[in-house]
Amino acid sequence: MDSKAKSTNVTWHDTVITKEDREKKNNHKGIVLWLTGLSGCGKSTVATCLQEKLFNQDIQAYILDGDNIRHGLNGDLGFSPEDREENIRRIGEVAHLFAQAGMIAITSFISPYRKDRDRARKLNQDGEFIEVFVKAPLDVCEDRDPKGLYKKAREGVIKEFTGISAPYEEPENPEILLETDKLSVEESADKILDYLKAQGVIG
């Protein structure tokens, strides 16, 4: 889907306060942390732990979670390939706005298609989009299955379920790889923190 074609007679308005101004005041950079992986791999759990650690360091961060967004902004979308594409297109734009506001936007979406993740990346400057592949074997994700979704997918109750009846295209060159069958939640969050410090995103 492409809403741009429907918008006419619109002009971009620049604001007086720049992204650099906001970053200076926040004392950290504004970026997008894009967590992707299968359902049950630990995306939301790691994101929650990371946000708490950042908050305790006075860093402006906010989680954009897949389920939460579908309660509101993307409540009109289903799980067809076209709706999945639009789901990620919208959240890519929202995450970019958060980064422009000088915040660390933490997204937690399966986002199964590389082309959709690449489009979200291209909205941002180099170094301002950090792809985090939260990886766990399918059998581990199924064993966790906190929402009972895999069971329903195996039974045919849920159609087009990623990893079972719909594809997941793994990131080819993610900035960060978290193997959550080997790392604890704390270790996973700390690995992201270490990367952010090494890249000069946070102090």
C-alpha atoms as a PDB file:
ATOM      1  CA  MET A   1       0.000   0.000   0.000  1.00  0.00           C
ATOM      2  CA  ASP A   2       1.161   3.490  -0.710  1.00  0.00           C
ATOM      3  CA  SER A   3      -0.748   6.380   0.801  1.00  0.00           C
ATOM      4  CA  LYS A   4       1.541   8.980  -0.742  1.00  0.00           C
ATOM      5  CA  ALA A   5      -0.331   8.933  -4.041  1.00  0.00           C
ATOM      6  CA  LYS A   6      -3.533   9.994  -2.241  1.00  0.00           C
ATOM      7  CA  SER A   7      -1.965  13.038  -0.583  1.00  0.00           C
ATOM      8  CA  THR A   8      -1.993  16.139  -2.750  1.00  0.00           C
ATOM      9  CA  ASN A   9      -1.364  19.832  -2.111  1.00  0.00           C
ATOM     10  CA  VAL A  10       0.724  19.113   0.984  1.00  0.00           C
ATOM     11  CA  THR A  11       3.942  20.876   1.964  1.00  0.00           C
ATOM     12  CA  TRP A  12       6.592  19.737   4.435  1.00  0.00           C
ATOM     13  CA  HIS A  13       7.022  22.246   7.287  1.00  0.00           C
ATOM     14  CA  ASP A  14      10.386  22.412   9.003  1.00  0.00           C
ATOM     15  CA  THR A  15      10.443  23.224  12.703  1.00  0.00           C
ATOM     16  CA  VAL A  16      12.734  25.650  14.481  1.00  0.00           C
ATOM     17  CA  ILE A  17      14.098  22.946  16.798  1.00  0.00           C
ATOM     18  CA  THR A  18      16.347  20.472  14.994  1.00  0.00           C
ATOM     19  CA  LYS A  19      17.060  16.824  15.709  1.00  0.00           C
ATOM     20  CA  GLU A  20      20.560  17.869  16.764  1.00  0.00           C
ATOM     21  CA  ASP A  21      19.078  20.353  19.251  1.00  0.00           C
ATOM     22  CA  ARG A  22      16.981  17.615  20.808  1.00  0.00           C
ATOM     23  CA  GLU A  23      19.899  15.180  20.916  1.00  0.00           C
ATOM     24  CA  LYS A  24      22.059  17.763  22.652  1.00  0.00           C
ATOM     25  CA  LYS A  25      19.393  18.405  25.281  1.00  0.00           C
ATOM     26  CA  ASN A  26      18.785  14.676  25.807  1.00  0.00           C
ATOM     27  CA  ASN A  27      22.531  13.957  25.873  1.00  0.00           C
ATOM     28  CA  HIS A  28      22.116  11.001  23.515  1.00  0.00           C
ATOM     29  CA  LYS A  29      21.319  10.363  19.862  1.00  0.00           C
ATOM     30  CA  GLY A  30      17.906   9.692  18.394  1.00  0.00           C
ATOM     31  CA  ILE A  31      17.817   6.307  16.660  1.00  0.00           C
ATOM     32  CA  VAL A  32      15.583   3.384  15.718  1.00  0.00           C
ATOM     33  CA  LEU A  33      16.308   0.021  17.353  1.00  0.00           C
ATOM     34  CA  TRP A  34      14.444  -2.495  15.192  1.00  0.00           C
ATOM     35  CA  LEU A  35      13.909  -5.827  16.981  1.00  0.00           C
ATOM     36  CA  THR A  36      12.779  -8.553  14.589  1.00  0.00           C
ATOM     37  CA  GLY A  37      12.236 -12.276  15.040  1.00  0.00           C
ATOM     38  CA  LEU A  38       9.674 -15.045  15.338  1.00  0.00           C
ATOM     39  CA  SER A  39       6.804 -14.953  17.786  1.00  0.00           C
ATOM     40  CA  GLY A  40       8.105 -16.207  21.127  1.00  0.00           C
ATOM     41  CA  CYS A  41      11.753 -15.409  20.410  1.00  0.00           C
ATOM     42  CA  GLY A  42      11.835 -12.814  23.200  1.00  0.00           C
ATOM     43  CA  LYS A  43      11.520  -9.482  21.362  1.00  0.00           C
ATOM     44  CA  SER A  44       9.032  -7.851  23.711  1.00  0.00           C
ATOM     45  CA  THR A  45      10.704  -9.210  26.840  1.00  0.00           C
ATOM     46  CA  VAL A  46      14.133  -7.936  25.793  1.00  0.00           C
ATOM     47  CA  ALA A  47      12.654  -4.600  24.681  1.00  0.00           C
ATOM     48  CA  THR A  48      10.975  -4.130  28.063  1.00  0.00           C
ATOM     49  CA  CYS A  49      14.179  -4.909  29.969  1.00  0.00           C
ATOM     50  CA  LEU A  50      16.187  -2.606  27.705  1.00  0.00           C
ATOM     51  CA  GLN A  51      13.737   0.273  28.067  1.00  0.00           C
ATOM     52  CA  GLU A  52      13.932   0.006  31.846  1.00  0.00           C
ATOM     53  CA  LYS A  53      17.732   0.079  31.785  1.00  0.00           C
ATOM     54  CA  LEU A  54      17.719   3.128  29.502  1.00  0.00           C
ATOM     55  CA  PHE A  55      15.084   4.884  31.625  1.00  0.00           C
ATOM     56  CA  ASN A  56      17.209   4.366  34.725  1.00  0.00           C
ATOM     57  CA  GLN A  57      20.070   6.111  32.901  1.00  0.00           C
ATOM     58  CA  ASP A  58      17.839   9.117  32.091  1.00  0.00           C
ATOM     59  CA  ILE A  59      17.705   8.153  28.408  1.00  0.00           C
ATOM     60  CA  GLN A  60      14.551   8.941  26.446  1.00  0.00           C
ATOM     61  CA  ALA A  61      13.320   5.642  24.993  1.00  0.00           C
ATOM     62  CA  TYR A  62       9.931   4.249  24.041  1.00  0.00           C
ATOM     63  CA  ILE A  63       8.739   0.813  22.915  1.00  0.00           C
ATOM     64  CA  LEU A  64       6.541   0.476  19.853  1.00  0.00           C
ATOM     65  CA  ASP A  65       5.227  -3.071  20.278  1.00  0.00           C
ATOM     66  CA  GLY A  66       3.522  -5.064  17.555  1.00  0.00           C
ATOM     67  CA  ASP A  67       0.491  -6.136  19.592  1.00  0.00           C
ATOM     68  CA  ASN A  68       0.046  -2.709  21.172  1.00  0.00           C
ATOM     69  CA  ILE A  69       0.129  -0.917  17.825  1.00  0.00           C
ATOM     70  CA  ARG A  70      -2.539  -3.258  16.462  1.00  0.00           C
ATOM     71  CA  HIS A  71      -4.860  -2.110  19.246  1.00  0.00           C
ATOM     72  CA  GLY A  72      -4.899   1.378  17.786  1.00  0.00           C
ATOM     73  CA  LEU A  73      -2.927   2.759  14.865  1.00  0.00           C
ATOM     74  CA  ASN A  74      -2.930  -0.526  12.935  1.00  0.00           C
ATOM     75  CA  GLY A  75      -6.167  -1.944  14.276  1.00  0.00           C
ATOM     76  CA  ASP A  76      -7.603  -1.935  10.761  1.00  0.00           C
ATOM     77  CA  LEU A  77      -4.970  -4.365   9.442  1.00  0.00           C
ATOM     78  CA  GLY A  78      -5.005  -8.151   9.304  1.00  0.00           C
ATOM     79  CA  PHE A  79      -2.188 -10.584   8.611  1.00  0.00           C
ATOM     80  CA  SER A  80      -2.247 -10.947   4.846  1.00  0.00           C
ATOM     81  CA  PRO A  81       1.072 -10.202   3.104  1.00  0.00           C
ATOM     82  CA  GLU A  82      -0.338  -6.830   2.004  1.00  0.00           C
ATOM     83  CA  ASP A  83      -1.500  -5.914   5.504  1.00  0.00           C
ATOM     84  CA  ARG A  84       1.804  -7.024   7.020  1.00  0.00           C
ATOM     85  CA  GLU A  85       3.594  -4.738   4.564  1.00  0.00           C
ATOM     86  CA  GLU A  86       1.385  -1.797   5.476  1.00  0.00           C
ATOM     87  CA  ASN A  87       1.766  -2.568   9.172  1.00  0.00           C
ATOM     88  CA  ILE A  88       5.540  -2.257   8.923  1.00  0.00           C
ATOM     89  CA  ARG A  89       5.394   0.736   6.571  1.00  0.00           C
ATOM     90  CA  ARG A  90       3.360   2.679   9.127  1.00  0.00           C
ATOM     91  CA  ILE A  91       5.484   1.721  12.111  1.00  0.00           C
ATOM     92  CA  GLY A  92       8.646   2.506  10.161  1.00  0.00           C
ATOM     93  CA  GLU A  93       7.361   6.039   9.673  1.00  0.00           C
ATOM     94  CA  VAL A  94       6.340   6.388  13.327  1.00  0.00           C
ATOM     95  CA  ALA A  95       9.668   5.054  14.603  1.00  0.00           C
ATOM     96  CA  HIS A  96      11.467   7.512  12.335  1.00  0.00           C
ATOM     97  CA  LEU A  97       9.465  10.388  13.853  1.00  0.00           C
ATOM     98  CA  PHE A  98      10.451   9.257  17.357  1.00  0.00           C
ATOM     99  CA  ALA A  99      14.105   9.226  16.294  1.00  0.00           C
ATOM    100  CA  GLN A 100      13.715  12.697  14.777  1.00  0.00           C
ATOM    101  CA  ALA A 101      12.378  13.802  18.152  1.00  0.00           C
ATOM    102  CA  GLY A 102      15.719  12.757  19.643  1.00  0.00           C
ATOM    103  CA  MET A 103      14.437   9.584  21.276  1.00  0.00           C
ATOM    104  CA  ILE A 104      15.471   5.955  21.044  1.00  0.00           C
ATOM    105  CA  ALA A 105      12.564   4.180  19.391  1.00  0.00           C
ATOM    106  CA  ILE A 106      12.537   0.481  20.262  1.00  0.00           C
ATOM    107  CA  THR A 107      10.328  -1.442  17.863  1.00  0.00           C
ATOM    108  CA  SER A 108       9.259  -5.006  18.597  1.00  0.00           C
ATOM    109  CA  PHE A 109       7.681  -6.509  15.474  1.00  0.00           C
ATOM    110  CA  ILE A 110       8.039  -9.859  13.747  1.00  0.00           C
ATOM    111  CA  SER A 111       8.451  -7.848  10.508  1.00  0.00           C
ATOM    112  CA  PRO A 112       8.979 -11.012   8.432  1.00  0.00           C
ATOM    113  CA  TYR A 113       9.966  -9.481   5.089  1.00  0.00           C
ATOM    114  CA  ARG A 114      13.434  -8.066   4.373  1.00  0.00           C
ATOM    115  CA  LYS A 115      12.148  -5.512   1.871  1.00  0.00           C
ATOM    116  CA  ASP A 116       9.866  -3.984   4.509  1.00  0.00           C
ATOM    117  CA  ARG A 117      12.673  -3.761   7.066  1.00  0.00           C
ATOM    118  CA  ASP A 118      14.962  -2.282   4.409  1.00  0.00           C
ATOM    119  CA  ARG A 119      12.361   0.370   3.598  1.00  0.00           C
ATOM    120  CA  ALA A 120      12.165   1.312   7.287  1.00  0.00           C
ATOM    121  CA  ARG A 121      15.969   1.537   7.374  1.00  0.00           C
ATOM    122  CA  LYS A 122      16.079   3.872   4.378  1.00  0.00           C
ATOM    123  CA  LEU A 123      13.943   6.434   6.200  1.00  0.00           C
ATOM    124  CA  ASN A 124      16.879   7.057   8.536  1.00  0.00           C
ATOM    125  CA  GLN A 125      20.438   8.305   8.141  1.00  0.00           C
ATOM    126  CA  ASP A 126      23.372   5.878   8.264  1.00  0.00           C
ATOM    127  CA  GLY A 127      23.901   4.642  11.793  1.00  0.00           C
ATOM    128  CA  GLU A 128      20.445   5.716  12.953  1.00  0.00           C
ATOM    129  CA  PHE A 129      18.702   2.414  12.227  1.00  0.00           C
ATOM    130  CA  ILE A 130      19.978  -0.576  14.170  1.00  0.00           C
ATOM    131  CA  GLU A 131      18.534  -3.946  13.213  1.00  0.00           C
ATOM    132  CA  VAL A 132      18.476  -6.431  16.097  1.00  0.00           C
ATOM    133  CA  PHE A 133      17.818 -10.030  15.086  1.00  0.00           C
ATOM    134  CA  VAL A 134      16.285 -11.738  18.101  1.00  0.00           C
ATOM    135  CA  LYS A 135      16.905 -15.348  17.162  1.00  0.00           C
ATOM    136  CA  ALA A 136      15.673 -18.566  18.703  1.00  0.00           C
ATOM    137  CA  PRO A 137      15.056 -21.971  17.094  1.00  0.00           C
ATOM    138  CA  LEU A 138      11.456 -22.587  16.071  1.00  0.00           C
ATOM    139  CA  ASP A 139      11.080 -25.442  18.549  1.00  0.00           C
ATOM    140  CA  VAL A 140      12.202 -23.152  21.382  1.00  0.00           C
ATOM    141  CA  CYS A 141       9.689 -20.494  20.326  1.00  0.00           C
ATOM    142  CA  GLU A 142       6.981 -23.146  20.202  1.00  0.00           C
ATOM    143  CA  ASP A 143       7.915 -24.446  23.648  1.00  0.00           C
ATOM    144  CA  ARG A 144       7.653 -20.918  25.055  1.00  0.00           C
ATOM    145  CA  ASP A 145       4.464 -20.049  23.114  1.00  0.00           C
ATOM    146  CA  PRO A 146       3.278 -17.540  25.763  1.00  0.00           C
ATOM    147  CA  LYS A 147       0.089 -16.744  23.821  1.00  0.00           C
ATOM    148  CA  GLY A 148      -0.720 -20.259  22.628  1.00  0.00           C
ATOM    149  CA  LEU A 149      -0.437 -19.086  19.027  1.00  0.00           C
ATOM    150  CA  TYR A 150       1.761 -21.851  17.667  1.00  0.00           C
ATOM    151  CA  LYS A 151      -0.664 -24.485  18.933  1.00  0.00           C
ATOM    152  CA  LYS A 152      -3.529 -22.719  17.180  1.00  0.00           C
ATOM    153  CA  ALA A 153      -1.443 -22.341  14.011  1.00  0.00           C
ATOM    154  CA  ARG A 154      -0.570 -26.062  14.021  1.00  0.00           C
ATOM    155  CA  GLU A 155      -4.274 -26.839  14.420  1.00  0.00           C
ATOM    156  CA  GLY A 156      -5.137 -24.578  11.497  1.00  0.00           C
ATOM    157  CA  VAL A 157      -7.105 -22.156  13.674  1.00  0.00           C
ATOM    158  CA  ILE A 158      -4.738 -19.286  12.867  1.00  0.00           C
ATOM    159  CA  LYS A 159      -3.948 -18.862   9.179  1.00  0.00           C
ATOM    160  CA  GLU A 160      -0.828 -17.221   7.725  1.00  0.00           C
ATOM    161  CA  PHE A 161       1.195 -17.593  10.942  1.00  0.00           C
ATOM    162  CA  THR A 162       4.858 -16.668  10.588  1.00  0.00           C
ATOM    163  CA  GLY A 163       7.191 -19.634  10.891  1.00  0.00           C
ATOM    164  CA  ILE A 164       4.416 -22.162  10.354  1.00  0.00           C
ATOM    165  CA  SER A 165       2.212 -21.192   7.400  1.00  0.00           C
ATOM    166  CA  ALA A 166       3.825 -17.882   6.433  1.00  0.00           C
ATOM    167  CA  PRO A 167       7.517 -17.143   5.745  1.00  0.00           C
ATOM    168  CA  TYR A 168      10.078 -15.354   7.884  1.00  0.00           C
ATOM    169  CA  GLU A 169      13.065 -13.906   6.046  1.00  0.00           C
ATOM    170  CA  GLU A 170      15.976 -13.737   8.474  1.00  0.00           C
ATOM    171  CA  PRO A 171      18.142 -10.596   8.472  1.00  0.00           C
ATOM    172  CA  GLU A 172      21.294 -11.115   6.429  1.00  0.00           C
ATOM    173  CA  ASN A 173      23.496  -8.499   8.108  1.00  0.00           C
ATOM    174  CA  PRO A 174      21.904  -7.297  11.361  1.00  0.00           C
ATOM    175  CA  GLU A 175      23.871  -4.889  13.481  1.00  0.00           C
ATOM    176  CA  ILE A 176      23.124  -7.047  16.535  1.00  0.00           C
ATOM    177  CA  LEU A 177      22.373 -10.761  16.853  1.00  0.00           C
ATOM    178  CA  LEU A 178      20.726 -11.991  20.049  1.00  0.00           C
ATOM    179  CA  GLU A 179      20.469 -15.770  20.387  1.00  0.00           C
ATOM    180  CA  THR A 180      17.917 -15.887  23.165  1.00  0.00           C
ATOM    181  CA  ASP A 181      18.174 -19.642  23.610  1.00  0.00           C
ATOM    182  CA  LYS A 182      21.744 -18.990  24.781  1.00  0.00           C
ATOM    183  CA  LEU A 183      21.491 -15.539  26.386  1.00  0.00           C
ATOM    184  CA  SER A 184      19.362 -14.454  29.331  1.00  0.00           C
ATOM    185  CA  VAL A 185      17.064 -11.440  29.034  1.00  0.00           C
ATOM    186  CA  GLU A 186      19.553  -9.341  31.039  1.00  0.00           C
ATOM    187  CA  GLU A 187      22.470 -10.451  28.871  1.00  0.00           C
ATOM    188  CA  SER A 188      20.518  -9.675  25.726  1.00  0.00           C
ATOM    189  CA  ALA A 189      19.610  -6.169  26.899  1.00  0.00           C
ATOM    190  CA  ASP A 190      23.185  -5.539  28.036  1.00  0.00           C
ATOM    191  CA  LYS A 191      24.512  -6.617  24.637  1.00  0.00           C
ATOM    192  CA  ILE A 192      22.373  -3.916  23.013  1.00  0.00           C
ATOM    193  CA  LEU A 193      23.522  -1.369  25.592  1.00  0.00           C
ATOM    194  CA  ASP A 194      27.154  -2.213  24.921  1.00  0.00           C
ATOM    195  CA  TYR A 195      26.607  -1.706  21.197  1.00  0.00           C
ATOM    196  CA  LEU A 196      24.923   1.662  21.748  1.00  0.00           C
ATOM    197  CA  LYS A 197      27.830   2.803  23.905  1.00  0.00           C
ATOM    198  CA  ALA A 198      30.405   1.578  21.394  1.00  0.00           C
ATOM    199  CA  GLN A 199      28.645   3.482  18.611  1.00  0.00           C
ATOM    200  CA  GLY A 200      28.410   6.677  20.648  1.00  0.00           C
ATOM    201  CA  VAL A 201      24.602   6.636  20.720  1.00  0.00           C
ATOM    202  CA  ILE A 202      24.617   6.883  24.513  1.00  0.00           C
ATOM    203  CA  GLY A 203      27.324   7.918  26.927  1.00  0.00           C
END
